[in-house]
Amino acid sequence: MNGVVVDGAATILLCALHLLLVCIVECAPDGAEVLRFPGFDGDLPSKHYAGYITVGNQLNKRHLYYYFATSERDPENDPVAIWLNGGPGCSGLNAVVYLLGPFKVDDNEDYLINGARVKLNPYSWSKVSNMIYIDAPAGTGFSYADNTDDYIVDDPEINADIYEFILKWFLEYPEFLPNPFYVIGSSYGGMLVPVVSLLIDEGLEAGTKPRINFKGYSIGNAFTDIRIDNNAEIPYAHRMGLISDEQYKALKKSCHGNYWNSSIPDCEKNMEDYMKTAGAINKYHVLCLPCHFVMGITTTTNLNNKITQRNSTYGEMVYETDCGGAVAEHAHGRRRLPERQHPPDSIYCCDYNHRPSMLFNSESGRRDMHAQPIEVSGIWERCTKRLTHRVEERSLVEYHLNLTTKGYRAFIYNGDHDMVVSYLATMEWIKLLNYTEIEKWQPWFVGDQIAGYAIQYEHNLLYATFRGSGHTVPEYTPIEGLEAYRRWIDGSDSL
């Protein structure tokens, strides 16, 4: 009799576990599953979902779009990570099709005739974790606000909306609450990731529900401290052989280490000379041409790759093209410079912006992605022009100190050929934490090749460079990027 009871209980338990495992993959909001991805032929590599989470209040509703790719390895147990894109105002879908997402935009030269296409990305970070990509703030990508006043934003508002989004997302996908959760991003995401992480920590301490299994965060080539980030460019240019010893000494003597806010006449003159020497360098990767993507455009299309630069009040770099809208990358308060001192082309070519616009602005594409029609959410742009972003000059070093001393894991990294946020800048603010080095500067490997150099600090802080990589590590060095992420997300504190 007892044996029958035990067998019955075991059967019930097994059934319950089976239902739980099925729910992990299958449970989701009704109609959220993505069955087709624009421009892709074939089966999706894992379960994908997309939709909107509404934040704000009754008078100011903001509808934030997300794309969720479950892990291709073990979605039931693999961590969940939310990717916060740069900009601000650059769509998370850029990461989906150009950086670390499940897809890569194909460089088919006939895309203007036969349409843009995508193929599977063999180095997607969804190979090893469940990935959430978000269009934030409202006005970015497919996200939109009911009140146009909400398109005037600052970082505290953006971070508060992202935190509210995360809480509500887990209410929609409660089956993932047990999974370890990480906040990750790059570039201007460096001004978002630590703040959102601290908001999550404060919510946990306050007993906010749902209770997230928050474990840590990661940022790459990330803006952190405006003074450090901007002033590191000159020493970096000297180390890379872009300016002479004589020019560097003149800059150091006249600017006293403050190269971007100085009103000293001699410093300003030397900075003008510096721009004549190094101004045409592609700061996103100093070894690449200003435009390294294949254009695939002929003169018969009435399109060309003319890109002119204009500067906002805060020095953001906006590349306007006649073939797909503007591409914005904020330079975190960098000095505005005469247009003649900039190269005629940018790393962001026409097709870099135009191809995904074709994918995500077609009626069928938006329908497949569960995005609202253009009449509701507006035209999809890689980086939106409808936001007014109030820039606040600040340092987030204290946020990193707070989070890491509380025991959260942190992975900080740089592509070592990026001059926008150089490894010198990142290492300088890390030194301000005054942490002991557990493992000093040493090479880390992928196979038998040196992939970069790493330092392991106390308090679960790991720092690494990626050899030969630029501002967006998963784009320039995808193999190394995935491998480092896999090792870290799987729990390693060293590479």
Protein backbone atom coordinates (compact mmCIF):
# COMPACT_ATOMS: atom_id res chain seq x y z
CA MET A 1 0.00 0.00 0.00
CA ASN A 2 2.82 2.37 0.92
CA GLY A 3 4.54 1.59 -2.35
CA VAL A 4 1.44 2.60 -4.28
CA VAL A 5 1.30 5.90 -2.39
CA VAL A 6 4.96 6.63 -3.08
CA ASP A 7 4.58 5.81 -6.77
CA GLY A 8 1.50 8.01 -7.01
CA ALA A 9 3.27 10.91 -5.31
CA ALA A 10 6.26 10.47 -7.57
CA THR A 11 4.03 10.46 -10.62
CA ILE A 12 2.33 13.67 -9.49
CA LEU A 13 5.72 15.29 -8.85
CA LEU A 14 7.04 14.26 -12.24
CA CYS A 15 3.92 15.64 -13.91
CA ALA A 16 4.28 18.91 -12.04
CA LEU A 17 7.92 19.21 -13.05
CA HIS A 18 7.02 18.46 -16.66
CA LEU A 19 4.34 21.14 -16.65
CA LEU A 20 6.82 23.62 -15.15
CA LEU A 21 9.42 22.88 -17.81
CA VAL A 22 6.82 23.23 -20.54
CA CYS A 23 5.63 26.51 -19.03
CA ILE A 24 9.16 27.90 -18.98
CA VAL A 25 9.26 27.71 -22.75
CA GLU A 26 5.60 27.99 -23.66
CA CYS A 27 4.04 30.33 -21.08
CA ALA A 28 3.91 33.91 -22.31
CA PRO A 29 1.34 36.65 -22.87
CA ASP A 30 -1.25 35.68 -25.47
CA GLY A 31 -0.11 36.56 -28.96
CA ALA A 32 3.43 37.47 -27.88
CA GLU A 33 5.29 34.68 -29.66
CA VAL A 34 7.13 35.76 -32.81
CA LEU A 35 6.66 33.21 -35.57
CA ARG A 36 8.48 35.05 -38.37
CA PHE A 37 11.30 37.58 -38.35
CA PRO A 38 11.39 40.17 -41.17
CA GLY A 39 13.82 39.23 -43.93
CA PHE A 40 14.55 35.78 -42.50
CA ASP A 41 13.70 32.46 -44.11
CA GLY A 42 13.72 29.45 -41.85
CA ASP A 43 12.94 28.37 -38.32
CA LEU A 44 13.86 30.66 -35.45
CA PRO A 45 16.71 29.25 -33.36
CA SER A 46 14.65 29.37 -30.13
CA LYS A 47 11.35 30.75 -28.85
CA HIS A 48 11.06 34.48 -29.52
CA TYR A 49 8.50 36.90 -28.11
CA ALA A 50 7.76 40.58 -28.60
CA GLY A 51 5.31 43.21 -27.50
CA TYR A 52 4.79 46.24 -25.29
CA ILE A 53 4.98 46.96 -21.59
CA THR A 54 3.21 50.16 -20.53
CA VAL A 55 4.84 52.35 -17.86
CA GLY A 56 3.98 55.72 -16.39
CA ASN A 57 0.59 56.82 -15.10
CA GLN A 58 -2.91 57.29 -16.46
CA LEU A 59 -2.12 60.74 -17.86
CA ASN A 60 1.33 59.88 -19.18
CA LYS A 61 1.41 56.36 -20.55
CA ARG A 62 4.60 55.27 -22.25
CA HIS A 63 4.58 52.05 -24.24
CA LEU A 64 8.00 50.40 -24.28
CA TYR A 65 8.64 47.79 -26.96
CA TYR A 66 10.72 44.70 -26.23
CA TYR A 67 12.07 41.73 -28.18
CA PHE A 68 12.76 38.60 -26.14
CA ALA A 69 14.87 35.72 -27.44
CA THR A 70 15.00 32.68 -25.17
CA SER A 71 18.30 30.89 -24.77
CA GLU A 72 19.28 28.38 -27.42
CA ARG A 73 21.08 26.33 -24.77
CA ASP A 74 18.92 25.85 -21.66
CA PRO A 75 16.16 28.46 -21.37
CA GLU A 76 14.77 26.92 -18.19
CA ASN A 77 18.00 27.49 -16.27
CA ASP A 78 20.11 29.98 -18.21
CA PRO A 79 20.27 33.56 -16.91
CA VAL A 80 18.04 36.33 -18.21
CA ALA A 81 19.79 39.51 -19.34
CA ILE A 82 18.32 42.81 -20.48
CA TRP A 83 20.39 44.77 -23.00
CA LEU A 84 20.31 48.57 -22.70
CA ASN A 85 21.41 50.15 -25.95
CA GLY A 86 23.36 53.36 -26.33
CA GLY A 87 22.28 56.70 -27.72
CA PRO A 88 20.16 57.47 -25.82
CA GLY A 89 17.43 56.93 -28.37
CA CYS A 90 19.01 54.08 -30.35
CA SER A 91 16.76 51.06 -30.81
CA GLY A 92 17.44 47.76 -29.08
CA LEU A 93 16.68 46.12 -32.41
CA ASN A 94 20.03 47.45 -33.59
CA ALA A 95 21.58 45.00 -31.14
CA VAL A 96 19.28 42.26 -32.41
CA VAL A 97 20.48 42.53 -36.03
CA TYR A 98 23.96 44.10 -35.81
CA LEU A 99 25.59 43.45 -32.46
CA LEU A 100 24.81 40.42 -30.30
CA GLY A 101 21.30 39.33 -31.28
CA PRO A 102 20.10 36.17 -32.99
CA PHE A 103 20.34 37.76 -36.46
CA LYS A 104 22.79 39.57 -38.69
CA VAL A 105 21.72 41.84 -41.52
CA ASP A 106 22.88 40.28 -44.78
CA ASP A 107 25.01 42.47 -47.04
CA ASN A 108 23.18 41.45 -50.21
CA GLU A 109 23.87 44.13 -52.81
CA ASP A 110 20.44 43.78 -54.39
CA TYR A 111 18.56 44.76 -51.22
CA LEU A 112 17.09 47.91 -52.78
CA ILE A 113 15.40 45.71 -55.39
CA ASN A 114 14.77 42.43 -53.59
CA GLY A 115 14.54 43.71 -50.02
CA ALA A 116 16.79 43.53 -47.00
CA ARG A 117 17.49 40.10 -45.55
CA VAL A 118 18.90 38.73 -42.32
CA LYS A 119 20.68 35.51 -41.48
CA LEU A 120 21.37 33.72 -38.20
CA ASN A 121 24.17 35.09 -36.06
CA PRO A 122 26.39 32.20 -34.97
CA TYR A 123 27.74 34.36 -32.12
CA SER A 124 24.49 35.58 -30.63
CA TRP A 125 24.53 35.98 -26.86
CA SER A 126 21.20 34.17 -26.83
CA LYS A 127 23.30 31.07 -27.43
CA VAL A 128 23.93 31.04 -23.67
CA SER A 129 21.31 33.28 -22.03
CA ASN A 130 17.77 34.52 -22.37
CA MET A 131 18.01 38.01 -23.89
CA ILE A 132 15.61 40.95 -23.57
CA TYR A 133 16.14 43.88 -25.95
CA ILE A 134 14.25 47.07 -25.17
CA ASP A 135 13.47 50.26 -27.07
CA ALA A 136 13.90 52.90 -24.38
CA PRO A 137 13.05 55.65 -23.72
CA ALA A 138 9.61 56.08 -25.30
CA GLY A 139 10.11 57.56 -28.76
CA THR A 140 12.92 55.11 -29.50
CA GLY A 141 12.41 52.40 -32.15
CA PHE A 142 8.89 51.00 -31.84
CA SER A 143 8.27 52.56 -28.41
CA TYR A 144 5.97 55.54 -28.13
CA ALA A 145 4.17 57.81 -25.67
CA ASP A 146 0.56 58.96 -25.53
CA ASN A 147 1.76 62.44 -24.61
CA THR A 148 4.42 64.03 -26.83
CA ASP A 149 5.77 65.92 -23.81
CA ASP A 150 7.23 62.56 -22.76
CA TYR A 151 9.69 62.81 -25.63
CA ILE A 152 11.59 65.36 -23.54
CA VAL A 153 13.61 63.14 -21.22
CA ASP A 154 16.55 62.96 -18.87
CA ASP A 155 18.49 59.99 -17.54
CA PRO A 156 16.64 59.65 -14.20
CA GLU A 157 13.34 59.42 -16.08
CA ILE A 158 14.76 56.88 -18.55
CA ASN A 159 16.15 54.72 -15.74
CA ALA A 160 12.90 54.86 -13.74
CA ASP A 161 10.93 53.71 -16.80
CA ILE A 162 13.35 50.85 -17.48
CA TYR A 163 13.09 49.69 -13.87
CA GLU A 164 9.29 49.78 -14.01
CA PHE A 165 9.47 47.92 -17.32
CA ILE A 166 11.59 45.15 -15.75
CA LEU A 167 9.17 44.65 -12.87
CA LYS A 168 6.17 44.49 -15.21
CA TRP A 169 8.02 42.26 -17.68
CA PHE A 170 8.54 39.65 -14.97
CA LEU A 171 4.84 39.83 -14.15
CA GLU A 172 4.21 38.90 -17.80
CA TYR A 173 6.89 36.16 -17.73
CA PRO A 174 6.86 34.92 -14.10
CA GLU A 175 8.33 31.57 -15.11
CA PHE A 176 11.71 33.31 -15.47
CA LEU A 177 11.75 34.81 -11.95
CA PRO A 178 13.95 31.98 -10.56
CA ASN A 179 16.59 32.54 -13.26
CA PRO A 180 19.63 34.68 -12.46
CA PHE A 181 19.06 38.18 -13.85
CA TYR A 182 21.65 40.61 -15.24
CA VAL A 183 21.54 44.15 -16.63
CA ILE A 184 23.99 44.67 -19.50
CA GLY A 185 24.75 47.31 -22.11
CA SER A 186 27.37 49.44 -23.81
CA SER A 187 28.28 52.98 -24.87
CA TYR A 188 25.74 55.43 -23.42
CA GLY A 189 24.20 52.41 -21.74
CA GLY A 190 26.97 52.99 -19.22
CA MET A 191 24.89 55.88 -17.89
CA LEU A 192 21.88 53.57 -17.53
CA VAL A 193 23.03 50.10 -16.48
CA PRO A 194 24.50 50.96 -13.04
CA VAL A 195 21.55 53.17 -12.13
CA VAL A 196 18.93 50.60 -13.14
CA SER A 197 20.95 47.98 -11.25
CA LEU A 198 20.89 50.08 -8.10
CA LEU A 199 17.14 50.69 -8.49
CA ILE A 200 16.67 46.91 -8.61
CA ASP A 201 18.81 46.51 -5.49
CA GLU A 202 16.85 49.18 -3.63
CA GLY A 203 13.61 47.49 -4.66
CA LEU A 204 14.86 44.18 -3.31
CA GLU A 205 15.78 45.79 -0.01
CA ALA A 206 12.32 47.39 0.16
CA GLY A 207 10.59 44.07 -0.54
CA THR A 208 9.22 45.14 -3.92
CA LYS A 209 7.37 42.43 -5.81
CA PRO A 210 8.01 40.55 -7.98
CA ARG A 211 11.28 39.59 -6.34
CA ILE A 212 13.96 39.51 -9.04
CA ASN A 213 16.91 37.13 -8.76
CA PHE A 214 19.35 39.95 -9.54
CA LYS A 215 22.98 38.86 -9.73
CA GLY A 216 24.97 41.63 -11.43
CA TYR A 217 25.66 43.79 -14.45
CA SER A 218 28.05 44.34 -17.35
CA ILE A 219 29.04 47.31 -19.50
CA GLY A 220 31.36 47.68 -22.49
CA ASN A 221 33.12 50.83 -23.74
CA ALA A 222 30.72 52.66 -21.50
CA PHE A 223 30.40 56.32 -20.61
CA THR A 224 30.85 56.62 -16.86
CA ASP A 225 32.49 59.90 -15.86
CA ILE A 226 32.35 62.85 -18.25
CA ARG A 227 35.67 64.31 -17.12
CA ILE A 228 37.57 61.04 -17.27
CA ASP A 229 35.94 59.80 -20.49
CA ASN A 230 36.67 62.98 -22.44
CA ASN A 231 40.13 63.72 -21.15
CA ALA A 232 41.41 60.20 -21.87
CA GLU A 233 41.30 60.75 -25.63
CA ILE A 234 44.54 62.73 -25.88
CA PRO A 235 46.69 60.26 -23.90
CA TYR A 236 45.10 57.43 -25.91
CA ALA A 237 45.86 59.14 -29.22
CA HIS A 238 49.47 59.51 -28.10
CA ARG A 239 49.76 55.87 -27.06
CA MET A 240 48.37 54.77 -30.42
CA GLY A 241 50.88 56.87 -32.35
CA LEU A 242 48.26 59.26 -33.73
CA ILE A 243 50.05 62.36 -32.46
CA SER A 244 53.73 63.05 -31.92
CA ASP A 245 55.58 63.23 -28.62
CA GLU A 246 56.10 66.94 -29.23
CA GLN A 247 52.39 67.58 -29.81
CA TYR A 248 51.42 65.56 -26.76
CA LYS A 249 53.85 67.46 -24.54
CA ALA A 250 52.46 70.77 -25.81
CA LEU A 251 48.91 69.63 -25.05
CA LYS A 252 49.81 68.43 -21.57
CA LYS A 253 51.64 71.64 -20.73
CA SER A 254 48.96 74.01 -22.03
CA CYS A 255 45.81 72.12 -20.99
CA HIS A 256 46.97 70.75 -17.62
CA GLY A 257 45.16 67.48 -18.28
CA ASN A 258 41.80 69.18 -19.02
CA TYR A 259 41.52 68.96 -22.78
CA TRP A 260 37.81 69.39 -23.44
CA ASN A 261 36.63 72.17 -21.15
CA SER A 262 39.61 74.45 -21.19
CA SER A 263 39.28 78.12 -22.04
CA ILE A 264 43.05 78.64 -21.95
CA PRO A 265 44.04 80.16 -25.33
CA ASP A 266 47.18 78.03 -25.74
CA CYS A 267 45.18 74.87 -24.94
CA GLU A 268 42.45 75.77 -27.42
CA LYS A 269 45.05 76.40 -30.13
CA ASN A 270 46.78 73.09 -29.44
CA MET A 271 43.43 71.30 -29.50
CA GLU A 272 42.71 72.80 -32.92
CA ASP A 273 46.10 71.51 -34.08
CA TYR A 274 45.26 68.11 -32.61
CA MET A 275 42.05 67.94 -34.64
CA LYS A 276 43.97 68.76 -37.80
CA THR A 277 46.26 65.84 -37.02
CA ALA A 278 43.80 63.22 -35.76
CA GLY A 279 40.34 64.59 -36.52
CA ALA A 280 39.82 62.33 -39.55
CA ILE A 281 40.48 59.15 -37.54
CA ASN A 282 37.49 56.86 -37.06
CA LYS A 283 37.14 57.13 -33.30
CA TYR A 284 34.94 54.04 -33.09
CA HIS A 285 37.84 51.94 -34.34
CA VAL A 286 41.08 53.77 -35.03
CA LEU A 287 42.29 51.18 -37.56
CA CYS A 288 39.14 51.16 -39.68
CA LEU A 289 38.22 53.50 -42.49
CA PRO A 290 35.52 56.02 -41.57
CA CYS A 291 33.04 53.72 -43.29
CA HIS A 292 33.72 49.98 -43.21
CA PHE A 293 30.39 48.62 -44.38
CA VAL A 294 29.80 47.65 -47.99
CA MET A 295 27.46 50.16 -49.55
CA GLY A 296 25.83 47.96 -52.17
CA ILE A 297 24.32 51.03 -53.81
CA THR A 298 24.61 52.02 -57.46
CA THR A 299 24.13 55.42 -59.04
CA THR A 300 20.87 54.20 -60.58
CA THR A 301 19.24 54.23 -57.14
CA ASN A 302 19.56 58.02 -56.80
CA LEU A 303 21.22 57.37 -53.47
CA ASN A 304 24.73 58.11 -52.41
CA ASN A 305 26.83 57.83 -49.32
CA LYS A 306 27.21 61.50 -48.60
CA ILE A 307 27.08 61.95 -44.86
CA THR A 308 27.41 65.36 -43.22
CA GLN A 309 27.83 66.01 -39.58
CA ARG A 310 25.97 68.46 -37.41
CA ASN A 311 26.44 69.02 -33.71
CA SER A 312 23.85 69.45 -31.01
CA THR A 313 24.13 71.73 -28.02
CA TYR A 314 25.80 68.93 -26.12
CA GLY A 315 28.15 67.85 -28.86
CA GLU A 316 26.34 64.68 -29.90
CA MET A 317 27.48 63.37 -33.25
CA VAL A 318 24.57 63.04 -35.65
CA TYR A 319 25.19 61.74 -39.14
CA GLU A 320 22.51 62.77 -41.60
CA THR A 321 22.13 60.80 -44.80
CA ASP A 322 19.86 61.09 -47.77
CA CYS A 323 19.13 57.37 -47.70
CA GLY A 324 17.57 56.46 -44.45
CA GLY A 325 17.49 59.14 -41.80
CA ALA A 326 19.85 60.15 -39.09
CA VAL A 327 22.16 58.06 -37.00
CA ALA A 328 23.00 59.44 -33.58
CA GLU A 329 25.80 58.54 -31.25
CA HIS A 330 26.16 60.86 -28.31
CA ALA A 331 29.71 61.89 -27.58
CA HIS A 332 28.98 62.54 -23.91
CA GLY A 333 29.54 66.26 -23.97
CA ARG A 334 32.45 66.39 -26.37
CA ARG A 335 33.61 69.70 -27.72
CA ARG A 336 31.92 70.83 -30.93
CA LEU A 337 34.32 71.19 -33.81
CA PRO A 338 34.18 72.85 -37.22
CA GLU A 339 32.54 70.58 -39.79
CA ARG A 340 35.52 70.85 -42.13
CA GLN A 341 37.63 68.94 -39.60
CA HIS A 342 35.51 65.79 -39.82
CA PRO A 343 35.72 63.08 -42.48
CA PRO A 344 33.08 63.04 -45.22
CA ASP A 345 32.01 59.49 -44.29
CA SER A 346 31.19 57.72 -41.05
CA ILE A 347 31.27 54.18 -39.76
CA TYR A 348 27.48 54.43 -40.09
CA CYS A 349 26.92 54.08 -43.80
CA CYS A 350 23.67 54.62 -45.60
CA ASP A 351 22.87 50.94 -45.74
CA TYR A 352 23.70 50.50 -42.06
CA ASN A 353 20.67 52.62 -41.35
CA HIS A 354 18.61 51.90 -44.45
CA ARG A 355 18.53 48.09 -44.40
CA PRO A 356 16.95 47.70 -40.94
CA SER A 357 14.59 50.57 -41.75
CA MET A 358 13.33 48.52 -44.69
CA LEU A 359 12.88 45.49 -42.43
CA PHE A 360 11.09 47.22 -39.58
CA ASN A 361 8.96 49.77 -41.40
CA SER A 362 7.14 47.45 -43.77
CA GLU A 363 3.58 46.65 -42.78
CA SER A 364 4.28 42.91 -42.72
CA GLY A 365 7.52 43.37 -40.78
CA ARG A 366 5.83 45.41 -38.06
CA ARG A 367 3.01 42.89 -37.90
CA ASP A 368 5.47 40.00 -37.51
CA MET A 369 7.30 41.92 -34.78
CA HIS A 370 4.04 42.74 -32.93
CA ALA A 371 4.80 46.45 -33.31
CA GLN A 372 2.14 49.10 -33.60
CA PRO A 373 1.49 50.60 -37.07
CA ILE A 374 3.46 53.65 -38.13
CA GLU A 375 0.35 55.77 -37.54
CA VAL A 376 0.57 54.89 -33.83
CA SER A 377 4.23 54.48 -32.92
CA GLY A 378 5.89 56.41 -35.74
CA ILE A 379 8.57 55.45 -38.24
CA TRP A 380 11.25 53.09 -36.93
CA GLU A 381 14.73 54.64 -37.01
CA ARG A 382 17.94 53.10 -35.78
CA CYS A 383 18.45 56.21 -33.68
CA THR A 384 15.49 58.52 -33.28
CA LYS A 385 15.39 62.23 -33.94
CA ARG A 386 12.20 62.95 -32.01
CA LEU A 387 13.72 62.90 -28.52
CA THR A 388 15.00 65.94 -26.64
CA HIS A 389 17.50 64.57 -24.16
CA ARG A 390 18.48 66.73 -21.22
CA VAL A 391 22.12 65.91 -20.55
CA GLU A 392 23.36 65.88 -16.99
CA GLU A 393 27.09 66.01 -16.40
CA ARG A 394 27.73 63.37 -13.80
CA SER A 395 29.93 60.53 -12.65
CA LEU A 396 28.62 57.05 -11.90
CA VAL A 397 31.72 55.76 -10.14
CA GLU A 398 29.89 55.76 -6.79
CA TYR A 399 27.18 53.53 -8.29
CA HIS A 400 29.79 50.93 -9.22
CA LEU A 401 31.32 51.15 -5.75
CA ASN A 402 27.92 50.72 -4.12
CA LEU A 403 26.89 47.74 -6.26
CA THR A 404 30.14 45.80 -6.13
CA THR A 405 30.62 46.23 -2.37
CA LYS A 406 27.14 44.73 -1.96
CA GLY A 407 28.40 41.61 -3.70
CA TYR A 408 26.91 42.00 -7.17
CA ARG A 409 29.01 40.63 -10.01
CA ALA A 410 30.38 43.14 -12.53
CA PHE A 411 32.05 42.61 -15.90
CA ILE A 412 33.57 45.78 -17.36
CA TYR A 413 35.29 45.66 -20.74
CA ASN A 414 36.70 47.70 -23.62
CA GLY A 415 37.60 47.17 -27.22
CA ASP A 416 41.18 48.43 -27.13
CA HIS A 417 40.96 50.29 -30.47
CA ASP A 418 38.06 52.50 -29.43
CA MET A 419 38.88 56.17 -28.93
CA VAL A 420 35.32 57.24 -28.01
CA VAL A 421 35.52 55.57 -24.59
CA SER A 422 39.03 54.22 -24.41
CA TYR A 423 40.36 51.54 -22.11
CA LEU A 424 42.48 54.26 -20.47
CA ALA A 425 39.31 56.05 -19.35
CA THR A 426 37.70 52.91 -17.98
CA MET A 427 40.82 51.80 -16.12
CA GLU A 428 41.19 55.28 -14.60
CA TRP A 429 37.74 55.28 -13.00
CA ILE A 430 38.16 51.67 -11.87
CA LYS A 431 41.28 52.79 -9.99
CA LEU A 432 39.11 55.23 -8.05
CA LEU A 433 37.36 52.22 -6.47
CA ASN A 434 40.68 51.42 -4.78
CA TYR A 435 40.10 47.68 -5.11
CA THR A 436 42.83 45.08 -4.64
CA GLU A 437 43.86 43.19 -7.77
CA ILE A 438 43.39 39.47 -7.19
CA GLU A 439 44.83 38.65 -10.63
CA LYS A 440 46.91 41.36 -12.22
CA TRP A 441 46.98 42.35 -15.91
CA GLN A 442 47.42 39.17 -17.92
CA PRO A 443 46.39 37.80 -21.32
CA TRP A 444 43.21 35.82 -21.75
CA PHE A 445 42.78 33.36 -24.59
CA VAL A 446 40.26 32.00 -27.04
CA GLY A 447 41.85 28.82 -28.27
CA ASP A 448 45.56 29.49 -28.58
CA GLN A 449 45.11 33.16 -29.48
CA ILE A 450 45.38 36.12 -27.12
CA ALA A 451 41.92 37.65 -27.14
CA GLY A 452 42.79 40.53 -24.84
CA TYR A 453 43.99 41.27 -21.32
CA ALA A 454 42.17 41.00 -18.03
CA ILE A 455 42.35 42.05 -14.39
CA GLN A 456 40.37 40.38 -11.61
CA TYR A 457 39.57 42.64 -8.67
CA GLU A 458 38.08 41.95 -5.28
CA HIS A 459 34.31 42.35 -4.86
CA ASN A 460 33.50 40.26 -7.96
CA LEU A 461 34.75 42.90 -10.41
CA LEU A 462 36.25 41.61 -13.65
CA TYR A 463 37.84 43.91 -16.22
CA ALA A 464 38.97 42.90 -19.72
CA THR A 465 40.14 44.36 -22.99
CA PHE A 466 39.38 42.86 -26.37
CA ARG A 467 42.40 42.93 -28.62
CA GLY A 468 41.76 44.69 -31.92
CA SER A 469 38.14 45.50 -31.10
CA GLY A 470 36.33 48.81 -31.39
CA HIS A 471 33.52 50.65 -29.64
CA THR A 472 31.01 47.78 -30.00
CA VAL A 473 32.82 44.60 -29.01
CA PRO A 474 30.18 42.07 -30.18
CA GLU A 475 30.25 43.70 -33.62
CA TYR A 476 34.03 43.92 -34.12
CA THR A 477 35.11 40.74 -32.31
CA PRO A 478 31.99 38.52 -32.15
CA ILE A 479 33.76 35.23 -31.38
CA GLU A 480 35.71 36.66 -28.46
CA GLY A 481 32.72 38.67 -27.29
CA LEU A 482 30.47 35.62 -27.02
CA GLU A 483 33.16 33.50 -25.39
CA ALA A 484 33.95 36.08 -22.71
CA TYR A 485 30.25 36.63 -22.04
CA ARG A 486 29.66 32.87 -21.79
CA ARG A 487 32.46 32.41 -19.28
CA TRP A 488 31.24 35.31 -17.15
CA ILE A 489 27.51 34.55 -17.33
CA ASP A 490 28.28 30.93 -16.39
CA GLY A 491 29.84 32.15 -13.15
CA SER A 492 33.55 32.57 -13.81
CA ASP A 493 35.23 35.53 -12.10
CA SER A 494 38.19 35.35 -14.48
CA LEU A 495 38.68 34.83 -18.21
